[in-house]
Amino acid sequence: MAMPAVPYTLDGAATLHQMLRFHWDKWHAQPADEREAIVAEASEVLGEMEATGKSAIFSLLGHRGDLMVLHFRDSFDALNEAEMRVNSLRLRGFLEVSHSYLSVVELGLYASTSKIHADLAEKGFAPHSPEWEAGAEDVLDRQRKAMAPRLWPDVPPHRYCCFYPMDRKRGEEKNWYVLPLADRQRMMHEHGLIGRRYQGAVKQIISGSIGFDNWEWGVDLFADDPLVFKKLIYEMRFDEVSAIYALFGDFYVGLRFGASQLGEFFAGKSPTWEAPPVEDSSERP
């Protein structure tokens, strides 16, 4: 009996990265009292979003933008509301979108997929039959509940964020999607072992973007020491799945700061940051 080739995934929070370029000349041309009013409005609105733990602001390094605003929400509708709240600010007239990325927090289940398939086949269920689908969904539902904190995260309270999109190769010579599931499972297991060695130094959130954006996955890394990004990603380049099958997009690195410090940022200072108190978000869908 041929097993399905597609691994199961658990899907959670709708995720949006907004990369924004600030028009400094236009800003400095405004009267001081107007600038103060604009900052006060933005600080209040973004502060409310930040207090939920589901939105955060980063000062981007380099030429790809000045700000990155990251949102986690429970649905695309809620994500659109967050985007529109930012767009409705008077500050938005001084911002230009340099890039954005839409995705959904995803946990890949390579190892669990093989076990689920084996258990269902042992029961005599045919792949994709109603009995097969119901049995798989029962297992996945239990795993969704167990993994809820990872599927519906708050923005991790670290100073630095590194975001990048990535694909798996699907060309004529190297094609991830035609490999047997067992081979992909083995390589992803070896890949994951590297990440586990960095637990405590870096927090990683993977989001799936197939059908939502131009790449297949987005990767967010959060840490209090930015050098850990270089060490982790460099080491992973040597494992089989990355060395042979991975393609990477642009990297965005930013320093987190609070909405209350927007005035410092727009005064041309690098704002410091301390983790803000977060509202109780223990309720999860």
Protein backbone atom coordinates (compact mmCIF):
# COMPACT_ATOMS: atom_id res chain seq x y z
CA MET A 1 0.00 0.00 0.00
CA ALA A 2 1.57 3.31 -1.12
CA MET A 3 1.69 5.86 1.68
CA PRO A 4 0.94 9.57 1.01
CA ALA A 5 4.08 11.62 0.40
CA VAL A 6 2.88 14.82 2.07
CA PRO A 7 3.85 15.30 5.75
CA TYR A 8 1.23 16.62 8.11
CA THR A 9 1.55 20.10 9.58
CA LEU A 10 0.01 21.86 12.54
CA ASP A 11 -0.99 25.42 11.64
CA GLY A 12 -1.47 28.29 14.05
CA ALA A 13 -1.21 32.06 14.16
CA ALA A 14 -1.57 34.19 11.07
CA THR A 15 1.65 36.18 10.76
CA LEU A 16 2.55 39.43 9.01
CA HIS A 17 5.91 41.17 8.75
CA GLN A 18 5.67 44.81 7.63
CA MET A 19 8.99 46.29 6.50
CA LEU A 20 8.72 50.07 6.26
CA ARG A 21 10.99 52.82 4.95
CA PHE A 22 10.75 56.17 6.72
CA HIS A 23 10.88 59.45 4.80
CA TRP A 24 13.17 61.45 7.06
CA ASP A 25 13.31 64.60 4.92
CA LYS A 26 9.51 64.85 4.81
CA TRP A 27 9.39 64.26 8.58
CA HIS A 28 11.89 66.99 9.43
CA ALA A 29 9.95 69.44 7.28
CA GLN A 30 6.96 69.17 9.64
CA PRO A 31 6.51 71.61 12.55
CA ALA A 32 7.69 70.25 15.90
CA ASP A 33 4.19 70.29 17.44
CA GLU A 34 2.81 68.30 14.48
CA ARG A 35 5.56 65.70 14.85
CA GLU A 36 4.80 65.40 18.55
CA ALA A 37 1.09 64.85 17.87
CA ILE A 38 1.83 62.19 15.25
CA VAL A 39 4.21 60.33 17.57
CA ALA A 40 1.70 60.51 20.44
CA GLU A 41 -1.03 58.94 18.29
CA ALA A 42 1.26 56.19 16.97
CA SER A 43 2.64 55.45 20.43
CA GLU A 44 -0.85 55.00 21.85
CA VAL A 45 -2.15 52.73 19.08
CA LEU A 46 1.00 50.64 18.69
CA GLY A 47 1.33 50.49 22.49
CA GLU A 48 -2.13 48.91 22.74
CA MET A 49 -1.15 46.32 20.11
CA GLU A 50 2.20 45.70 21.81
CA ALA A 51 0.57 45.16 25.22
CA THR A 52 -1.23 42.06 23.94
CA GLY A 53 2.13 40.39 23.23
CA LYS A 54 1.06 39.88 19.60
CA SER A 55 2.78 42.84 17.92
CA ALA A 56 6.30 44.23 18.14
CA ILE A 57 8.39 47.00 16.56
CA PHE A 58 11.98 46.63 15.38
CA SER A 59 14.52 49.14 14.10
CA LEU A 60 15.95 47.55 10.96
CA LEU A 61 19.65 47.61 10.17
CA GLY A 62 20.77 48.28 6.61
CA HIS A 63 19.15 49.55 3.43
CA ARG A 64 16.03 47.35 3.22
CA GLY A 65 13.96 49.55 5.50
CA ASP A 66 13.87 51.51 8.74
CA LEU A 67 11.18 49.69 10.69
CA MET A 68 9.71 46.20 10.89
CA VAL A 69 6.38 45.65 12.59
CA LEU A 70 5.61 42.02 13.37
CA HIS A 71 2.10 40.75 14.08
CA PHE A 72 0.77 37.39 15.28
CA ARG A 73 -3.03 37.04 15.17
CA ASP A 74 -5.63 34.30 15.49
CA SER A 75 -6.98 34.74 11.95
CA PHE A 76 -6.33 36.52 8.66
CA ASP A 77 -9.27 38.81 9.48
CA ALA A 78 -7.60 39.89 12.72
CA LEU A 79 -4.30 40.25 10.87
CA ASN A 80 -5.93 42.52 8.31
CA GLU A 81 -7.35 44.63 11.14
CA ALA A 82 -3.85 45.01 12.61
CA GLU A 83 -2.45 46.05 9.24
CA MET A 84 -5.25 48.57 8.72
CA ARG A 85 -4.70 50.07 12.18
CA VAL A 86 -1.10 50.77 11.23
CA ASN A 87 -2.16 52.13 7.84
CA SER A 88 -4.70 54.47 9.46
CA LEU A 89 -2.09 56.28 11.55
CA ARG A 90 -1.03 59.76 10.48
CA LEU A 91 2.51 58.39 10.76
CA ARG A 92 1.72 56.18 7.77
CA GLY A 93 2.04 59.24 5.52
CA PHE A 94 5.79 59.22 6.24
CA LEU A 95 6.22 55.46 5.72
CA GLU A 96 6.68 53.46 2.54
CA VAL A 97 6.29 49.69 2.45
CA SER A 98 9.63 48.26 1.33
CA HIS A 99 8.59 44.63 1.82
CA SER A 100 6.05 42.47 3.61
CA TYR A 101 5.62 38.79 4.33
CA LEU A 102 2.43 36.80 5.00
CA SER A 103 2.50 33.34 6.55
CA VAL A 104 1.03 31.03 9.20
CA VAL A 105 2.95 29.59 12.15
CA GLU A 106 3.67 25.97 11.22
CA LEU A 107 4.98 22.89 12.98
CA GLY A 108 6.12 20.20 10.54
CA LEU A 109 5.37 16.63 11.60
CA TYR A 110 7.72 14.42 9.62
CA ALA A 111 8.25 11.86 12.39
CA SER A 112 4.60 11.89 13.49
CA THR A 113 3.42 11.52 9.89
CA SER A 114 5.26 8.21 9.46
CA LYS A 115 3.87 6.90 12.75
CA ILE A 116 0.32 8.01 11.95
CA HIS A 117 0.52 6.37 8.51
CA ALA A 118 1.84 3.14 10.00
CA ASP A 119 -0.90 3.02 12.67
CA LEU A 120 -3.67 3.71 10.16
CA ALA A 121 -2.33 1.12 7.72
CA GLU A 122 -2.13 -1.45 10.51
CA LYS A 123 -5.84 -0.89 11.13
CA GLY A 124 -6.49 -1.70 7.48
CA PHE A 125 -7.56 1.80 6.45
CA ALA A 126 -6.87 2.77 2.82
CA PRO A 127 -4.99 6.07 2.32
CA HIS A 128 -7.37 9.02 1.98
CA SER A 129 -10.43 6.91 2.82
CA PRO A 130 -12.95 8.48 5.26
CA GLU A 131 -11.65 6.19 8.01
CA TRP A 132 -8.05 7.20 7.26
CA GLU A 133 -8.82 10.91 7.27
CA ALA A 134 -10.87 10.70 10.48
CA GLY A 135 -8.18 8.71 12.27
CA ALA A 136 -5.45 11.14 11.21
CA GLU A 137 -7.51 14.16 12.22
CA ASP A 138 -8.13 12.68 15.66
CA VAL A 139 -4.38 12.39 16.28
CA LEU A 140 -3.66 15.84 14.83
CA ASP A 141 -6.33 17.45 16.98
CA ARG A 142 -4.71 16.06 20.12
CA GLN A 143 -1.34 17.35 18.95
CA ARG A 144 -2.78 20.81 18.22
CA LYS A 145 -3.98 21.06 21.81
CA ALA A 146 -0.64 19.85 23.18
CA MET A 147 1.31 22.28 20.95
CA ALA A 148 -0.99 25.30 21.42
CA PRO A 149 1.67 27.52 23.08
CA ARG A 150 3.97 27.02 20.08
CA LEU A 151 1.20 27.45 17.50
CA TRP A 152 -0.16 30.66 19.03
CA PRO A 153 2.97 32.43 20.31
CA ASP A 154 3.55 35.85 21.74
CA VAL A 155 6.44 37.76 20.20
CA PRO A 156 9.45 36.45 22.16
CA PRO A 157 10.85 39.10 24.54
CA HIS A 158 14.33 39.41 23.04
CA ARG A 159 16.23 42.44 21.78
CA TYR A 160 17.18 41.13 18.32
CA CYS A 161 15.17 39.51 15.53
CA CYS A 162 16.43 37.90 12.32
CA PHE A 163 13.79 37.13 9.68
CA TYR A 164 14.33 35.41 6.33
CA PRO A 165 12.25 33.44 3.83
CA MET A 166 13.35 30.13 2.32
CA ASP A 167 12.43 27.41 -0.20
CA ARG A 168 13.27 23.79 -0.81
CA LYS A 169 14.77 23.15 -4.24
CA ARG A 170 12.47 21.62 -6.83
CA GLY A 171 14.59 21.76 -9.96
CA GLU A 172 15.48 19.10 -12.49
CA GLU A 173 18.53 17.76 -10.64
CA LYS A 174 17.62 18.40 -6.99
CA ASN A 175 13.96 18.22 -6.06
CA TRP A 176 12.97 17.97 -2.40
CA TYR A 177 9.40 17.11 -3.26
CA VAL A 178 10.17 13.88 -5.12
CA LEU A 179 12.28 12.38 -2.33
CA PRO A 180 10.73 9.54 -0.32
CA LEU A 181 9.11 10.65 2.92
CA ALA A 182 11.57 8.54 4.95
CA ASP A 183 14.54 10.38 3.42
CA ARG A 184 13.02 13.77 4.11
CA GLN A 185 12.20 12.71 7.65
CA ARG A 186 15.79 11.62 8.29
CA MET A 187 17.27 14.86 6.99
CA MET A 188 14.82 17.03 8.91
CA HIS A 189 15.62 15.11 12.09
CA GLU A 190 19.34 15.75 11.62
CA HIS A 191 18.58 19.40 10.84
CA GLY A 192 16.54 19.73 14.03
CA LEU A 193 19.32 18.30 16.19
CA ILE A 194 21.46 21.33 15.39
CA GLY A 195 18.72 23.73 16.44
CA ARG A 196 18.23 21.94 19.74
CA ARG A 197 21.82 22.68 20.71
CA TYR A 198 20.95 26.38 20.59
CA GLN A 199 17.94 26.13 22.91
CA GLY A 200 18.08 28.87 25.50
CA ALA A 201 20.22 31.09 23.26
CA VAL A 202 17.72 31.55 20.43
CA LYS A 203 13.97 31.24 19.95
CA GLN A 204 12.86 30.06 16.51
CA ILE A 205 9.41 30.40 14.97
CA ILE A 206 8.76 28.79 11.58
CA SER A 207 5.82 29.90 9.48
CA GLY A 208 4.46 28.35 6.30
CA SER A 209 3.76 30.61 3.34
CA ILE A 210 2.95 28.25 0.45
CA GLY A 211 -0.03 29.86 -1.26
CA PHE A 212 0.39 33.06 0.76
CA ASP A 213 3.70 34.59 -0.38
CA ASN A 214 6.55 34.11 -2.86
CA TRP A 215 8.59 31.76 -0.70
CA GLU A 216 7.58 28.53 1.02
CA TRP A 217 8.53 29.30 4.62
CA GLY A 218 9.47 32.23 6.80
CA VAL A 219 11.94 31.88 9.66
CA ASP A 220 12.07 34.19 12.68
CA LEU A 221 14.98 33.95 15.11
CA PHE A 222 14.94 35.91 18.38
CA ALA A 223 17.94 36.35 20.70
CA ASP A 224 19.66 38.75 23.07
CA ASP A 225 22.99 38.23 21.28
CA PRO A 226 22.84 38.73 17.48
CA LEU A 227 25.96 36.63 16.89
CA VAL A 228 23.92 33.53 17.65
CA PHE A 229 22.10 34.07 14.33
CA LYS A 230 25.36 33.78 12.41
CA LYS A 231 26.55 30.75 14.37
CA LEU A 232 23.29 28.84 14.08
CA ILE A 233 22.66 29.53 10.40
CA TYR A 234 26.30 28.88 9.48
CA GLU A 235 26.29 25.51 11.24
CA MET A 236 23.02 24.54 9.60
CA ARG A 237 24.47 25.26 6.15
CA PHE A 238 26.59 22.14 6.58
CA ASP A 239 23.75 19.71 7.15
CA GLU A 240 22.42 17.75 4.20
CA VAL A 241 19.00 19.33 3.89
CA SER A 242 20.39 22.89 3.84
CA ALA A 243 23.54 22.20 1.81
CA ILE A 244 21.68 20.43 -0.99
CA TYR A 245 18.02 21.44 -0.90
CA ALA A 246 17.72 24.93 0.65
CA LEU A 247 17.34 28.33 -1.00
CA PHE A 248 17.30 31.53 1.07
CA GLY A 249 15.84 34.97 0.49
CA ASP A 250 16.86 38.33 1.95
CA PHE A 251 17.74 38.55 5.63
CA TYR A 252 16.23 41.27 7.84
CA VAL A 253 17.81 42.00 11.22
CA GLY A 254 16.25 44.42 13.67
CA LEU A 255 16.50 45.75 17.23
CA ARG A 256 13.30 45.67 19.20
CA PHE A 257 12.02 48.74 21.01
CA GLY A 258 8.79 49.75 22.67
CA ALA A 259 6.02 51.91 21.24
CA SER A 260 6.65 54.40 24.05
CA GLN A 261 10.10 55.02 22.55
CA LEU A 262 8.93 56.00 19.08
CA GLY A 263 9.84 59.59 19.92
CA GLU A 264 13.47 58.53 20.44
CA PHE A 265 13.52 56.67 17.15
CA PHE A 266 12.10 59.57 15.14
CA ALA A 267 14.57 61.90 16.84
CA GLY A 268 17.33 59.84 15.23
CA LYS A 269 18.34 57.88 18.32
CA SER A 270 18.72 54.13 18.73
CA PRO A 271 16.11 53.39 21.40
CA THR A 272 16.87 51.04 24.25
CA TRP A 273 14.34 48.37 25.15
CA GLU A 274 13.04 46.43 28.11
CA ALA A 275 10.46 43.65 27.85
CA PRO A 276 7.03 45.24 28.47
CA PRO A 277 4.37 43.72 30.71
CA VAL A 278 2.03 41.58 28.63
CA GLU A 279 -1.69 41.08 29.10
CA ASP A 280 -2.86 37.58 30.08
CA SER A 281 -3.07 35.64 26.81
CA SER A 282 -3.58 32.16 28.24
CA GLU A 283 -6.82 31.75 26.28
CA ARG A 284 -6.14 30.09 22.95
CA PRO A 285 -8.48 28.92 20.22
